[in-house]
Amino acid sequence: MPSEAIVIAKAFRSQHPEIAAGLADSQIAAIAQTFAPDAIPVKPKLASVETYDETRKRLKQTAQSLANRLAFATGREYRDVHSQWIGMGNPRHENATNDDLQRKIHWLVDEISNQNQLLEI
């Protein structure tokens, strides 16, 4: 992992400890990049470009990890979090586009942040 990503992960971890808890720096850097895509400088790689399927796999894993974290924080079953997402008119993972998965990640991060704010009150 480039040293820039480690710096971004450290900064993200200090700003969002509730989201970053228990995640590896590479995962945190990926999440931080969804908040500010320009935060991590990307060096062009001619030999290795992430394919659609690789991107999809990464997004699905991130969504699952965040859904597990939200389920644990709220004392619910993991599948209930996904059911809530689907109940809001969103597609299941197998029918979702990468944009749908990205929106789910943003929603999960917001829900985790809201949950943590409720606990602070």
PDB file of N, CA and C in Angstrom:
ATOM      1  N   MET A   1       0.853  -1.169   0.000  1.00  0.00           N
ATOM      2  CA  MET A   1       0.000   0.000   0.000  1.00  0.00           C
ATOM      3  C   MET A   1       0.899   1.231   0.000  1.00  0.00           C
ATOM      4  N   PRO A   2       0.603   2.202  -0.830  1.00  0.00           N
ATOM      5  CA  PRO A   2       1.427   3.416  -0.867  1.00  0.00           C
ATOM      6  C   PRO A   2       1.370   4.156   0.466  1.00  0.00           C
ATOM      7  N   SER A   3       2.450   4.856   0.755  1.00  0.00           N
ATOM      8  CA  SER A   3       2.516   5.570   2.029  1.00  0.00           C
ATOM      9  C   SER A   3       1.449   6.653   2.117  1.00  0.00           C
ATOM     10  N   GLU A   4       1.013   7.232   0.963  1.00  0.00           N
ATOM     11  CA  GLU A   4      -0.048   8.242   0.977  1.00  0.00           C
ATOM     12  C   GLU A   4      -1.341   7.644   1.526  1.00  0.00           C
ATOM     13  N   ALA A   5      -1.615   6.397   1.157  1.00  0.00           N
ATOM     14  CA  ALA A   5      -2.834   5.729   1.617  1.00  0.00           C
ATOM     15  C   ALA A   5      -2.788   5.509   3.127  1.00  0.00           C
ATOM     16  N   ILE A   6      -1.611   5.215   3.654  1.00  0.00           N
ATOM     17  CA  ILE A   6      -1.468   5.019   5.098  1.00  0.00           C
ATOM     18  C   ILE A   6      -1.738   6.335   5.828  1.00  0.00           C
ATOM     19  N   VAL A   7      -1.237   7.430   5.283  1.00  0.00           N
ATOM     20  CA  VAL A   7      -1.471   8.747   5.884  1.00  0.00           C
ATOM     21  C   VAL A   7      -2.962   9.066   5.865  1.00  0.00           C
ATOM     22  N   ILE A   8      -3.633   8.794   4.734  1.00  0.00           N
ATOM     23  CA  ILE A   8      -5.074   9.032   4.608  1.00  0.00           C
ATOM     24  C   ILE A   8      -5.827   8.145   5.596  1.00  0.00           C
ATOM     25  N   ALA A   9      -5.430   6.876   5.707  1.00  0.00           N
ATOM     26  CA  ALA A   9      -6.098   5.955   6.630  1.00  0.00           C
ATOM     27  C   ALA A   9      -5.949   6.438   8.067  1.00  0.00           C
ATOM     28  N   LYS A  10      -4.775   6.923   8.429  1.00  0.00           N
ATOM     29  CA  LYS A  10      -4.549   7.424   9.787  1.00  0.00           C
ATOM     30  C   LYS A  10      -5.436   8.634  10.064  1.00  0.00           C
ATOM     31  N   ALA A  11      -5.515   9.540   9.107  1.00  0.00           N
ATOM     32  CA  ALA A  11      -6.356  10.729   9.277  1.00  0.00           C
ATOM     33  C   ALA A  11      -7.829  10.333   9.374  1.00  0.00           C
ATOM     34  N   PHE A  12      -8.265   9.408   8.530  1.00  0.00           N
ATOM     35  CA  PHE A  12      -9.656   8.956   8.549  1.00  0.00           C
ATOM     36  C   PHE A  12      -9.963   8.259   9.874  1.00  0.00           C
ATOM     37  N   ARG A  13      -9.030   7.453  10.347  1.00  0.00           N
ATOM     38  CA  ARG A  13      -9.205   6.728  11.616  1.00  0.00           C
ATOM     39  C   ARG A  13      -9.395   7.724  12.774  1.00  0.00           C
ATOM     40  N   SER A  14      -8.655   8.840  12.746  1.00  0.00           N
ATOM     41  CA  SER A  14      -8.786   9.822  13.824  1.00  0.00           C
ATOM     42  C   SER A  14     -10.087  10.614  13.712  1.00  0.00           C
ATOM     43  N   GLN A  15     -10.586  10.815  12.499  1.00  0.00           N
ATOM     44  CA  GLN A  15     -11.821  11.576  12.298  1.00  0.00           C
ATOM     45  C   GLN A  15     -13.067  10.725  12.482  1.00  0.00           C
ATOM     46  N   HIS A  16     -12.989   9.436  12.159  1.00  0.00           N
ATOM     47  CA  HIS A  16     -14.140   8.535  12.214  1.00  0.00           C
ATOM     48  C   HIS A  16     -13.769   7.239  12.935  1.00  0.00           C
ATOM     49  N   PRO A  17     -13.457   7.302  14.218  1.00  0.00           N
ATOM     50  CA  PRO A  17     -13.012   6.090  14.915  1.00  0.00           C
ATOM     51  C   PRO A  17     -14.082   5.006  14.964  1.00  0.00           C
ATOM     52  N   GLU A  18     -15.357   5.404  14.975  1.00  0.00           N
ATOM     53  CA  GLU A  18     -16.428   4.412  15.036  1.00  0.00           C
ATOM     54  C   GLU A  18     -16.512   3.587  13.759  1.00  0.00           C
ATOM     55  N   ILE A  19     -16.182   4.166  12.641  1.00  0.00           N
ATOM     56  CA  ILE A  19     -16.217   3.447  11.367  1.00  0.00           C
ATOM     57  C   ILE A  19     -14.931   2.659  11.173  1.00  0.00           C
ATOM     58  N   ALA A  20     -13.816   3.240  11.592  1.00  0.00           N
ATOM     59  CA  ALA A  20     -12.510   2.644  11.335  1.00  0.00           C
ATOM     60  C   ALA A  20     -12.135   1.527  12.299  1.00  0.00           C
ATOM     61  N   ALA A  21     -12.854   1.396  13.386  1.00  0.00           N
ATOM     62  CA  ALA A  21     -12.488   0.393  14.391  1.00  0.00           C
ATOM     63  C   ALA A  21     -12.489  -1.006  13.799  1.00  0.00           C
ATOM     64  N   GLY A  22     -11.373  -1.697  13.919  1.00  0.00           N
ATOM     65  CA  GLY A  22     -11.281  -3.080  13.480  1.00  0.00           C
ATOM     66  C   GLY A  22     -11.029  -3.273  11.990  1.00  0.00           C
ATOM     67  N   LEU A  23     -10.885  -2.200  11.234  1.00  0.00           N
ATOM     68  CA  LEU A  23     -10.627  -2.324   9.797  1.00  0.00           C
ATOM     69  C   LEU A  23      -9.141  -2.144   9.511  1.00  0.00           C
ATOM     70  N   ALA A  24      -8.694  -2.810   8.485  1.00  0.00           N
ATOM     71  CA  ALA A  24      -7.296  -2.678   8.060  1.00  0.00           C
ATOM     72  C   ALA A  24      -7.100  -1.329   7.368  1.00  0.00           C
ATOM     73  N   ASP A  25      -5.858  -0.846   7.342  1.00  0.00           N
ATOM     74  CA  ASP A  25      -5.569   0.436   6.705  1.00  0.00           C
ATOM     75  C   ASP A  25      -5.981   0.446   5.241  1.00  0.00           C
ATOM     76  N   SER A  26      -5.815  -0.675   4.546  1.00  0.00           N
ATOM     77  CA  SER A  26      -6.190  -0.706   3.130  1.00  0.00           C
ATOM     78  C   SER A  26      -7.696  -0.528   2.965  1.00  0.00           C
ATOM     79  N   GLN A  27      -8.495  -1.119   3.873  1.00  0.00           N
ATOM     80  CA  GLN A  27      -9.946  -0.941   3.812  1.00  0.00           C
ATOM     81  C   GLN A  27     -10.329   0.489   4.158  1.00  0.00           C
ATOM     82  N   ILE A  28      -9.663   1.041   5.162  1.00  0.00           N
ATOM     83  CA  ILE A  28      -9.951   2.424   5.553  1.00  0.00           C
ATOM     84  C   ILE A  28      -9.606   3.374   4.416  1.00  0.00           C
ATOM     85  N   ALA A  29      -8.489   3.137   3.754  1.00  0.00           N
ATOM     86  CA  ALA A  29      -8.110   3.993   2.627  1.00  0.00           C
ATOM     87  C   ALA A  29      -9.155   3.923   1.524  1.00  0.00           C
ATOM     88  N   ALA A  30      -9.705   2.733   1.279  1.00  0.00           N
ATOM     89  CA  ALA A  30     -10.754   2.585   0.262  1.00  0.00           C
ATOM     90  C   ALA A  30     -12.012   3.328   0.676  1.00  0.00           C
ATOM     91  N   ILE A  31     -12.375   3.229   1.945  1.00  0.00           N
ATOM     92  CA  ILE A  31     -13.558   3.951   2.438  1.00  0.00           C
ATOM     93  C   ILE A  31     -13.318   5.452   2.372  1.00  0.00           C
ATOM     94  N   ALA A  32     -12.138   5.890   2.802  1.00  0.00           N
ATOM     95  CA  ALA A  32     -11.812   7.314   2.768  1.00  0.00           C
ATOM     96  C   ALA A  32     -11.862   7.838   1.341  1.00  0.00           C
ATOM     97  N   GLN A  33     -11.468   7.016   0.414  1.00  0.00           N
ATOM     98  CA  GLN A  33     -11.478   7.443  -0.982  1.00  0.00           C
ATOM     99  C   GLN A  33     -12.904   7.648  -1.478  1.00  0.00           C
ATOM    100  N   THR A  34     -13.888   6.925  -0.915  1.00  0.00           N
ATOM    101  CA  THR A  34     -15.274   7.141  -1.318  1.00  0.00           C
ATOM    102  C   THR A  34     -15.787   8.473  -0.790  1.00  0.00           C
ATOM    103  N   PHE A  35     -15.239   8.942   0.348  1.00  0.00           N
ATOM    104  CA  PHE A  35     -15.622  10.237   0.882  1.00  0.00           C
ATOM    105  C   PHE A  35     -15.015  11.369   0.054  1.00  0.00           C
ATOM    106  N   ALA A  36     -13.765  11.221  -0.299  1.00  0.00           N
ATOM    107  CA  ALA A  36     -13.048  12.231  -1.078  1.00  0.00           C
ATOM    108  C   ALA A  36     -12.137  11.516  -2.067  1.00  0.00           C
ATOM    109  N   PRO A  37     -12.641  11.236  -3.270  1.00  0.00           N
ATOM    110  CA  PRO A  37     -11.858  10.457  -4.233  1.00  0.00           C
ATOM    111  C   PRO A  37     -10.485  11.050  -4.553  1.00  0.00           C
ATOM    112  N   ASP A  38     -10.341  12.359  -4.397  1.00  0.00           N
ATOM    113  CA  ASP A  38      -9.055  12.978  -4.709  1.00  0.00           C
ATOM    114  C   ASP A  38      -8.102  12.969  -3.525  1.00  0.00           C
ATOM    115  N   ALA A  39      -8.537  12.412  -2.391  1.00  0.00           N
ATOM    116  CA  ALA A  39      -7.701  12.423  -1.191  1.00  0.00           C
ATOM    117  C   ALA A  39      -6.462  11.555  -1.333  1.00  0.00           C
ATOM    118  N   ILE A  40      -6.584  10.470  -2.066  1.00  0.00           N
ATOM    119  CA  ILE A  40      -5.440   9.581  -2.259  1.00  0.00           C
ATOM    120  C   ILE A  40      -4.946   9.751  -3.690  1.00  0.00           C
ATOM    121  N   PRO A  41      -3.746  10.270  -3.839  1.00  0.00           N
ATOM    122  CA  PRO A  41      -3.231  10.430  -5.194  1.00  0.00           C
ATOM    123  C   PRO A  41      -3.066   9.075  -5.881  1.00  0.00           C
ATOM    124  N   VAL A  42      -3.568   8.989  -7.080  1.00  0.00           N
ATOM    125  CA  VAL A  42      -3.512   7.742  -7.831  1.00  0.00           C
ATOM    126  C   VAL A  42      -2.402   7.838  -8.865  1.00  0.00           C
ATOM    127  N   LYS A  43      -1.485   6.902  -8.766  1.00  0.00           N
ATOM    128  CA  LYS A  43      -0.421   6.835  -9.757  1.00  0.00           C
ATOM    129  C   LYS A  43      -0.892   5.894 -10.850  1.00  0.00           C
ATOM    130  N   PRO A  44      -0.758   6.288 -12.093  1.00  0.00           N
ATOM    131  CA  PRO A  44      -1.257   5.435 -13.175  1.00  0.00           C
ATOM    132  C   PRO A  44      -0.532   4.092 -13.207  1.00  0.00           C
ATOM    133  N   LYS A  45      -1.327   3.050 -13.291  1.00  0.00           N
ATOM    134  CA  LYS A  45      -0.777   1.702 -13.407  1.00  0.00           C
ATOM    135  C   LYS A  45      -1.220   1.149 -14.748  1.00  0.00           C
ATOM    136  N   LEU A  46      -0.306   0.991 -15.631  1.00  0.00           N
ATOM    137  CA  LEU A  46      -0.641   0.478 -16.945  1.00  0.00           C
ATOM    138  C   LEU A  46      -0.867  -1.024 -16.923  1.00  0.00           C
ATOM    139  N   ALA A  47      -0.127  -1.719 -16.073  1.00  0.00           N
ATOM    140  CA  ALA A  47      -0.202  -3.173 -16.060  1.00  0.00           C
ATOM    141  C   ALA A  47      -1.426  -3.689 -15.303  1.00  0.00           C
ATOM    142  N   SER A  48      -1.887  -2.943 -14.307  1.00  0.00           N
ATOM    143  CA  SER A  48      -2.954  -3.448 -13.470  1.00  0.00           C
ATOM    144  C   SER A  48      -4.059  -2.406 -13.312  1.00  0.00           C
ATOM    145  N   VAL A  49      -5.153  -2.623 -14.009  1.00  0.00           N
ATOM    146  CA  VAL A  49      -6.322  -1.768 -13.896  1.00  0.00           C
ATOM    147  C   VAL A  49      -7.426  -2.615 -13.274  1.00  0.00           C
ATOM    148  N   GLU A  50      -8.097  -2.057 -12.290  1.00  0.00           N
ATOM    149  CA  GLU A  50      -9.157  -2.802 -11.629  1.00  0.00           C
ATOM    150  C   GLU A  50     -10.316  -3.024 -12.601  1.00  0.00           C
ATOM    151  N   THR A  51     -10.689  -4.270 -12.760  1.00  0.00           N
ATOM    152  CA  THR A  51     -11.788  -4.604 -13.657  1.00  0.00           C
ATOM    153  C   THR A  51     -13.122  -4.305 -12.984  1.00  0.00           C
ATOM    154  N   TYR A  52     -14.173  -4.347 -13.745  1.00  0.00           N
ATOM    155  CA  TYR A  52     -15.523  -4.137 -13.218  1.00  0.00           C
ATOM    156  C   TYR A  52     -15.814  -5.156 -12.119  1.00  0.00           C
ATOM    157  N   ASP A  53     -15.459  -6.405 -12.376  1.00  0.00           N
ATOM    158  CA  ASP A  53     -15.727  -7.462 -11.400  1.00  0.00           C
ATOM    159  C   ASP A  53     -14.907  -7.278 -10.124  1.00  0.00           C
ATOM    160  N   GLU A  54     -13.656  -6.841 -10.249  1.00  0.00           N
ATOM    161  CA  GLU A  54     -12.834  -6.588  -9.070  1.00  0.00           C
ATOM    162  C   GLU A  54     -13.401  -5.426  -8.253  1.00  0.00           C
ATOM    163  N   THR A  55     -13.844  -4.392  -8.944  1.00  0.00           N
ATOM    164  CA  THR A  55     -14.469  -3.258  -8.272  1.00  0.00           C
ATOM    165  C   THR A  55     -15.735  -3.711  -7.562  1.00  0.00           C
ATOM    166  N   ARG A  56     -16.527  -4.514  -8.245  1.00  0.00           N
ATOM    167  CA  ARG A  56     -17.773  -5.027  -7.681  1.00  0.00           C
ATOM    168  C   ARG A  56     -17.497  -5.856  -6.424  1.00  0.00           C
ATOM    169  N   LYS A  57     -16.500  -6.712  -6.488  1.00  0.00           N
ATOM    170  CA  LYS A  57     -16.149  -7.553  -5.343  1.00  0.00           C
ATOM    171  C   LYS A  57     -15.719  -6.689  -4.160  1.00  0.00           C
ATOM    172  N   ARG A  58     -14.899  -5.681  -4.421  1.00  0.00           N
ATOM    173  CA  ARG A  58     -14.436  -4.781  -3.363  1.00  0.00           C
ATOM    174  C   ARG A  58     -15.616  -4.035  -2.735  1.00  0.00           C
ATOM    175  N   LEU A  59     -16.520  -3.531  -3.559  1.00  0.00           N
ATOM    176  CA  LEU A  59     -17.683  -2.803  -3.052  1.00  0.00           C
ATOM    177  C   LEU A  59     -18.600  -3.719  -2.234  1.00  0.00           C
ATOM    178  N   LYS A  60     -18.800  -4.957  -2.704  1.00  0.00           N
ATOM    179  CA  LYS A  60     -19.649  -5.905  -1.976  1.00  0.00           C
ATOM    180  C   LYS A  60     -19.044  -6.239  -0.612  1.00  0.00           C
ATOM    181  N   GLN A  61     -17.735  -6.445  -0.581  1.00  0.00           N
ATOM    182  CA  GLN A  61     -17.066  -6.764   0.682  1.00  0.00           C
ATOM    183  C   GLN A  61     -17.145  -5.597   1.656  1.00  0.00           C
ATOM    184  N   THR A  62     -16.972  -4.382   1.153  1.00  0.00           N
ATOM    185  CA  THR A  62     -17.065  -3.204   2.012  1.00  0.00           C
ATOM    186  C   THR A  62     -18.478  -3.049   2.549  1.00  0.00           C
ATOM    187  N   ALA A  63     -19.478  -3.228   1.674  1.00  0.00           N
ATOM    188  CA  ALA A  63     -20.879  -3.117   2.094  1.00  0.00           C
ATOM    189  C   ALA A  63     -21.206  -4.181   3.146  1.00  0.00           C
ATOM    190  N   GLN A  64     -20.729  -5.394   2.956  1.00  0.00           N
ATOM    191  CA  GLN A  64     -20.996  -6.458   3.919  1.00  0.00           C
ATOM    192  C   GLN A  64     -20.335  -6.175   5.264  1.00  0.00           C
ATOM    193  N   SER A  65     -19.113  -5.689   5.225  1.00  0.00           N
ATOM    194  CA  SER A  65     -18.396  -5.369   6.455  1.00  0.00           C
ATOM    195  C   SER A  65     -19.109  -4.263   7.225  1.00  0.00           C
ATOM    196  N   LEU A  66     -19.531  -3.215   6.522  1.00  0.00           N
ATOM    197  CA  LEU A  66     -20.222  -2.116   7.180  1.00  0.00           C
ATOM    198  C   LEU A  66     -21.602  -2.543   7.673  1.00  0.00           C
ATOM    199  N   ALA A  67     -22.281  -3.409   6.919  1.00  0.00           N
ATOM    200  CA  ALA A  67     -23.587  -3.911   7.353  1.00  0.00           C
ATOM    201  C   ALA A  67     -23.437  -4.740   8.626  1.00  0.00           C
ATOM    202  N   ASN A  68     -22.398  -5.539   8.704  1.00  0.00           N
ATOM    203  CA  ASN A  68     -22.129  -6.314   9.922  1.00  0.00           C
ATOM    204  C   ASN A  68     -21.872  -5.392  11.104  1.00  0.00           C
ATOM    205  N   ARG A  69     -21.109  -4.349  10.867  1.00  0.00           N
ATOM    206  CA  ARG A  69     -20.784  -3.390  11.922  1.00  0.00           C
ATOM    207  C   ARG A  69     -22.061  -2.691  12.418  1.00  0.00           C
ATOM    208  N   LEU A  70     -22.936  -2.298  11.485  1.00  0.00           N
ATOM    209  CA  LEU A  70     -24.187  -1.647  11.858  1.00  0.00           C
ATOM    210  C   LEU A  70     -25.095  -2.618  12.607  1.00  0.00           C
ATOM    211  N   ALA A  71     -25.174  -3.842  12.147  1.00  0.00           N
ATOM    212  CA  ALA A  71     -26.010  -4.847  12.810  1.00  0.00           C
ATOM    213  C   ALA A  71     -25.537  -5.065  14.248  1.00  0.00           C
ATOM    214  N   PHE A  72     -24.247  -5.164  14.441  1.00  0.00           N
ATOM    215  CA  PHE A  72     -23.701  -5.361  15.779  1.00  0.00           C
ATOM    216  C   PHE A  72     -24.007  -4.157  16.666  1.00  0.00           C
ATOM    217  N   ALA A  73     -23.825  -2.955  16.112  1.00  0.00           N
ATOM    218  CA  ALA A  73     -24.035  -1.732  16.893  1.00  0.00           C
ATOM    219  C   ALA A  73     -25.496  -1.555  17.298  1.00  0.00           C
ATOM    220  N   THR A  74     -26.410  -2.051  16.482  1.00  0.00           N
ATOM    221  CA  THR A  74     -27.835  -1.868  16.763  1.00  0.00           C
ATOM    222  C   THR A  74     -28.472  -3.106  17.371  1.00  0.00           C
ATOM    223  N   GLY A  75     -27.714  -4.178  17.531  1.00  0.00           N
ATOM    224  CA  GLY A  75     -28.245  -5.400  18.127  1.00  0.00           C
ATOM    225  C   GLY A  75     -29.226  -6.130  17.219  1.00  0.00           C
ATOM    226  N   ARG A  76     -29.037  -5.970  15.912  1.00  0.00           N
ATOM    227  CA  ARG A  76     -29.916  -6.633  14.953  1.00  0.00           C
ATOM    228  C   ARG A  76     -29.162  -7.733  14.233  1.00  0.00           C
ATOM    229  N   GLU A  77     -29.902  -8.525  13.488  1.00  0.00           N
ATOM    230  CA  GLU A  77     -29.296  -9.528  12.626  1.00  0.00           C
ATOM    231  C   GLU A  77     -28.726  -8.827  11.393  1.00  0.00           C
ATOM    232  N   TYR A  78     -27.651  -9.354  10.890  1.00  0.00           N
ATOM    233  CA  TYR A  78     -26.985  -8.799   9.709  1.00  0.00           C
ATOM    234  C   TYR A  78     -27.944  -8.722   8.525  1.00  0.00           C
ATOM    235  N   ARG A  79     -28.758  -9.750   8.331  1.00  0.00           N
ATOM    236  CA  ARG A  79     -29.672  -9.757   7.173  1.00  0.00           C
ATOM    237  C   ARG A  79     -30.767  -8.705   7.318  1.00  0.00           C
ATOM    238  N   ASP A  80     -31.090  -8.277   8.570  1.00  0.00           N
ATOM    239  CA  ASP A  80     -32.098  -7.239   8.769  1.00  0.00           C
ATOM    240  C   ASP A  80     -31.636  -5.898   8.214  1.00  0.00           C
ATOM    241  N   VAL A  81     -30.339  -5.643   8.303  1.00  0.00           N
ATOM    242  CA  VAL A  81     -29.791  -4.403   7.742  1.00  0.00           C
ATOM    243  C   VAL A  81     -29.973  -4.420   6.226  1.00  0.00           C
ATOM    244  N   HIS A  82     -29.672  -5.550   5.597  1.00  0.00           N
ATOM    245  CA  HIS A  82     -29.844  -5.662   4.148  1.00  0.00           C
ATOM    246  C   HIS A  82     -31.323  -5.582   3.779  1.00  0.00           C
ATOM    247  N   SER A  83     -32.180  -6.183   4.596  1.00  0.00           N
ATOM    248  CA  SER A  83     -33.621  -6.127   4.336  1.00  0.00           C
ATOM    249  C   SER A  83     -34.129  -4.692   4.413  1.00  0.00           C
ATOM    250  N   GLN A  84     -33.598  -3.925   5.350  1.00  0.00           N
ATOM    251  CA  GLN A  84     -33.981  -2.516   5.447  1.00  0.00           C
ATOM    252  C   GLN A  84     -33.595  -1.776   4.167  1.00  0.00           C
ATOM    253  N   TRP A  85     -32.392  -2.038   3.673  1.00  0.00           N
ATOM    254  CA  TRP A  85     -31.911  -1.404   2.439  1.00  0.00           C
ATOM    255  C   TRP A  85     -32.823  -1.784   1.267  1.00  0.00           C
ATOM    256  N   ILE A  86     -33.169  -3.042   1.164  1.00  0.00           N
ATOM    257  CA  ILE A  86     -34.027  -3.520   0.080  1.00  0.00           C
ATOM    258  C   ILE A  86     -35.435  -2.945   0.238  1.00  0.00           C
ATOM    259  N   GLY A  87     -35.905  -2.850   1.490  1.00  0.00           N
ATOM    260  CA  GLY A  87     -37.226  -2.296   1.768  1.00  0.00           C
ATOM    261  C   GLY A  87     -37.359  -0.837   1.369  1.00  0.00           C
ATOM    262  N   MET A  88     -36.251  -0.146   1.244  1.00  0.00           N
ATOM    263  CA  MET A  88     -36.267   1.251   0.811  1.00  0.00           C
ATOM    264  C   MET A  88     -36.278   1.353  -0.707  1.00  0.00           C
ATOM    265  N   GLY A  89     -36.502   0.212  -1.383  1.00  0.00           N
ATOM    266  CA  GLY A  89     -36.604   0.216  -2.839  1.00  0.00           C
ATOM    267  C   GLY A  89     -35.298  -0.007  -3.569  1.00  0.00           C
ATOM    268  N   ASN A  90     -34.297  -0.472  -2.872  1.00  0.00           N
ATOM    269  CA  ASN A  90     -32.991  -0.702  -3.479  1.00  0.00           C
ATOM    270  C   ASN A  90     -32.822  -2.176  -3.839  1.00  0.00           C
ATOM    271  N   PRO A  91     -31.958  -2.467  -4.826  1.00  0.00           N
ATOM    272  CA  PRO A  91     -31.789  -3.854  -5.269  1.00  0.00           C
ATOM    273  C   PRO A  91     -30.903  -4.672  -4.333  1.00  0.00           C
ATOM    274  N   ARG A  92     -31.055  -6.000  -4.433  1.00  0.00           N
ATOM    275  CA  ARG A  92     -30.168  -6.928  -3.736  1.00  0.00           C
ATOM    276  C   ARG A  92     -28.773  -6.836  -4.353  1.00  0.00           C
ATOM    277  N   HIS A  93     -27.776  -7.351  -3.634  1.00  0.00           N
ATOM    278  CA  HIS A  93     -26.400  -7.292  -4.146  1.00  0.00           C
ATOM    279  C   HIS A  93     -26.277  -7.912  -5.529  1.00  0.00           C
ATOM    280  N   GLU A  94     -26.898  -9.073  -5.728  1.00  0.00           N
ATOM    281  CA  GLU A  94     -26.723  -9.754  -7.014  1.00  0.00           C
ATOM    282  C   GLU A  94     -27.348  -8.984  -8.177  1.00  0.00           C
ATOM    283  N   ASN A  95     -28.311  -8.106  -7.900  1.00  0.00           N
ATOM    284  CA  ASN A  95     -28.952  -7.316  -8.955  1.00  0.00           C
ATOM    285  C   ASN A  95     -28.462  -5.879  -8.993  1.00  0.00           C
ATOM    286  N   ALA A  96     -27.591  -5.515  -8.075  1.00  0.00           N
ATOM    287  CA  ALA A  96     -27.134  -4.131  -7.944  1.00  0.00           C
ATOM    288  C   ALA A  96     -25.995  -3.821  -8.908  1.00  0.00           C
ATOM    289  N   THR A  97     -25.979  -2.585  -9.353  1.00  0.00           N
ATOM    290  CA  THR A  97     -24.840  -2.093 -10.130  1.00  0.00           C
ATOM    291  C   THR A  97     -23.773  -1.620  -9.139  1.00  0.00           C
ATOM    292  N   ASN A  98     -22.608  -1.294  -9.646  1.00  0.00           N
ATOM    293  CA  ASN A  98     -21.558  -0.769  -8.773  1.00  0.00           C
ATOM    294  C   ASN A  98     -21.997   0.558  -8.152  1.00  0.00           C
ATOM    295  N   ASP A  99     -22.767   1.359  -8.893  1.00  0.00           N
ATOM    296  CA  ASP A  99     -23.272   2.613  -8.339  1.00  0.00           C
ATOM    297  C   ASP A  99     -24.241   2.349  -7.192  1.00  0.00           C
ATOM    298  N   ASP A 100     -25.083   1.314  -7.338  1.00  0.00           N
ATOM    299  CA  ASP A 100     -25.996   0.940  -6.249  1.00  0.00           C
ATOM    300  C   ASP A 100     -25.215   0.532  -5.011  1.00  0.00           C
ATOM    301  N   LEU A 101     -24.170  -0.253  -5.204  1.00  0.00           N
ATOM    302  CA  LEU A 101     -23.346  -0.694  -4.072  1.00  0.00           C
ATOM    303  C   LEU A 101     -22.653   0.494  -3.412  1.00  0.00           C
ATOM    304  N   GLN A 102     -22.217   1.445  -4.223  1.00  0.00           N
ATOM    305  CA  GLN A 102     -21.563   2.639  -3.680  1.00  0.00           C
ATOM    306  C   GLN A 102     -22.562   3.447  -2.839  1.00  0.00           C
ATOM    307  N   ARG A 103     -23.798   3.576  -3.326  1.00  0.00           N
ATOM    308  CA  ARG A 103     -24.833   4.281  -2.563  1.00  0.00           C
ATOM    309  C   ARG A 103     -25.119   3.549  -1.246  1.00  0.00           C
ATOM    310  N   LYS A 104     -25.101   2.220  -1.291  1.00  0.00           N
ATOM    311  CA  LYS A 104     -25.340   1.446  -0.067  1.00  0.00           C
ATOM    312  C   LYS A 104     -24.225   1.698   0.941  1.00  0.00           C
ATOM    313  N   ILE A 105     -22.998   1.769   0.489  1.00  0.00           N
ATOM    314  CA  ILE A 105     -21.873   2.043   1.377  1.00  0.00           C
ATOM    315  C   ILE A 105     -22.049   3.406   2.034  1.00  0.00           C
ATOM    316  N   HIS A 106     -22.419   4.409   1.262  1.00  0.00           N
ATOM    317  CA  HIS A 106     -22.642   5.746   1.826  1.00  0.00           C
ATOM    318  C   HIS A 106     -23.776   5.718   2.848  1.00  0.00           C
ATOM    319  N   TRP A 107     -24.848   5.006   2.532  1.00  0.00           N
ATOM    320  CA  TRP A 107     -25.978   4.882   3.450  1.00  0.00           C
ATOM    321  C   TRP A 107     -25.541   4.204   4.744  1.00  0.00           C
ATOM    322  N   LEU A 108     -24.782   3.124   4.634  1.00  0.00           N
ATOM    323  CA  LEU A 108     -24.315   2.403   5.821  1.00  0.00           C
ATOM    324  C   LEU A 108     -23.421   3.278   6.692  1.00  0.00           C
ATOM    325  N   VAL A 109     -22.526   4.026   6.073  1.00  0.00           N
ATOM    326  CA  VAL A 109     -21.638   4.918   6.822  1.00  0.00           C
ATOM    327  C   VAL A 109     -22.478   5.969   7.552  1.00  0.00           C
ATOM    328  N   ASP A 110     -23.486   6.518   6.881  1.00  0.00           N
ATOM    329  CA  ASP A 110     -24.370   7.497   7.522  1.00  0.00           C
ATOM    330  C   ASP A 110     -25.123   6.871   8.699  1.00  0.00           C
ATOM    331  N   GLU A 111     -25.635   5.659   8.506  1.00  0.00           N
ATOM    332  CA  GLU A 111     -26.370   4.970   9.574  1.00  0.00           C
ATOM    333  C   GLU A 111     -25.476   4.677  10.770  1.00  0.00           C
ATOM    334  N   ILE A 112     -24.246   4.267  10.511  1.00  0.00           N
ATOM    335  CA  ILE A 112     -23.297   4.004  11.606  1.00  0.00           C
ATOM    336  C   ILE A 112     -22.990   5.297  12.347  1.00  0.00           C
ATOM    337  N   SER A 113     -22.776   6.370  11.606  1.00  0.00           N
ATOM    338  CA  SER A 113     -22.498   7.668  12.236  1.00  0.00           C
ATOM    339  C   SER A 113     -23.689   8.123  13.071  1.00  0.00           C
ATOM    340  N   ASN A 114     -24.902   7.970  12.535  1.00  0.00           N
ATOM    341  CA  ASN A 114     -26.108   8.355  13.275  1.00  0.00           C
ATOM    342  C   ASN A 114     -26.252   7.521  14.539  1.00  0.00           C
ATOM    343  N   GLN A 115     -25.976   6.238  14.433  1.00  0.00           N
ATOM    344  CA  GLN A 115     -26.074   5.341  15.588  1.00  0.00           C
ATOM    345  C   GLN A 115     -25.087   5.770  16.671  1.00  0.00           C
ATOM    346  N   ASN A 116     -23.884   6.108  16.265  1.00  0.00           N
ATOM    347  CA  ASN A 116     -22.871   6.516  17.231  1.00  0.00           C
ATOM    348  C   ASN A 116     -23.212   7.862  17.870  1.00  0.00           C
ATOM    349  N   GLN A 117     -23.846   8.747  17.109  1.00  0.00           N
ATOM    350  CA  GLN A 117     -24.268  10.036  17.671  1.00  0.00           C
ATOM    351  C   GLN A 117     -25.371   9.829  18.704  1.00  0.00           C
ATOM    352  N   LEU A 118     -26.263   8.865  18.451  1.00  0.00           N
ATOM    353  CA  LEU A 118     -27.319   8.563  19.413  1.00  0.00           C
ATOM    354  C   LEU A 118     -26.741   8.017  20.717  1.00  0.00           C
ATOM    355  N   LEU A 119     -25.688   7.230  20.595  1.00  0.00           N
ATOM    356  CA  LEU A 119     -25.062   6.662  21.788  1.00  0.00           C
ATOM    357  C   LEU A 119     -24.355   7.725  22.626  1.00  0.00           C
ATOM    358  N   GLU A 120     -23.908   8.794  21.967  1.00  0.00           N
ATOM    359  CA  GLU A 120     -23.204   9.861  22.671  1.00  0.00           C
ATOM    360  C   GLU A 120     -24.156  10.745  23.466  1.00  0.00           C
ATOM    361  N   ILE A 121     -25.417  10.759  23.089  1.00  0.00           N
ATOM    362  CA  ILE A 121     -26.397  11.643  23.743  1.00  0.00           C
ATOM    363  C   ILE A 121     -26.764  11.140  25.103  1.00  0.00           C
TER     364      ILE A 121
END
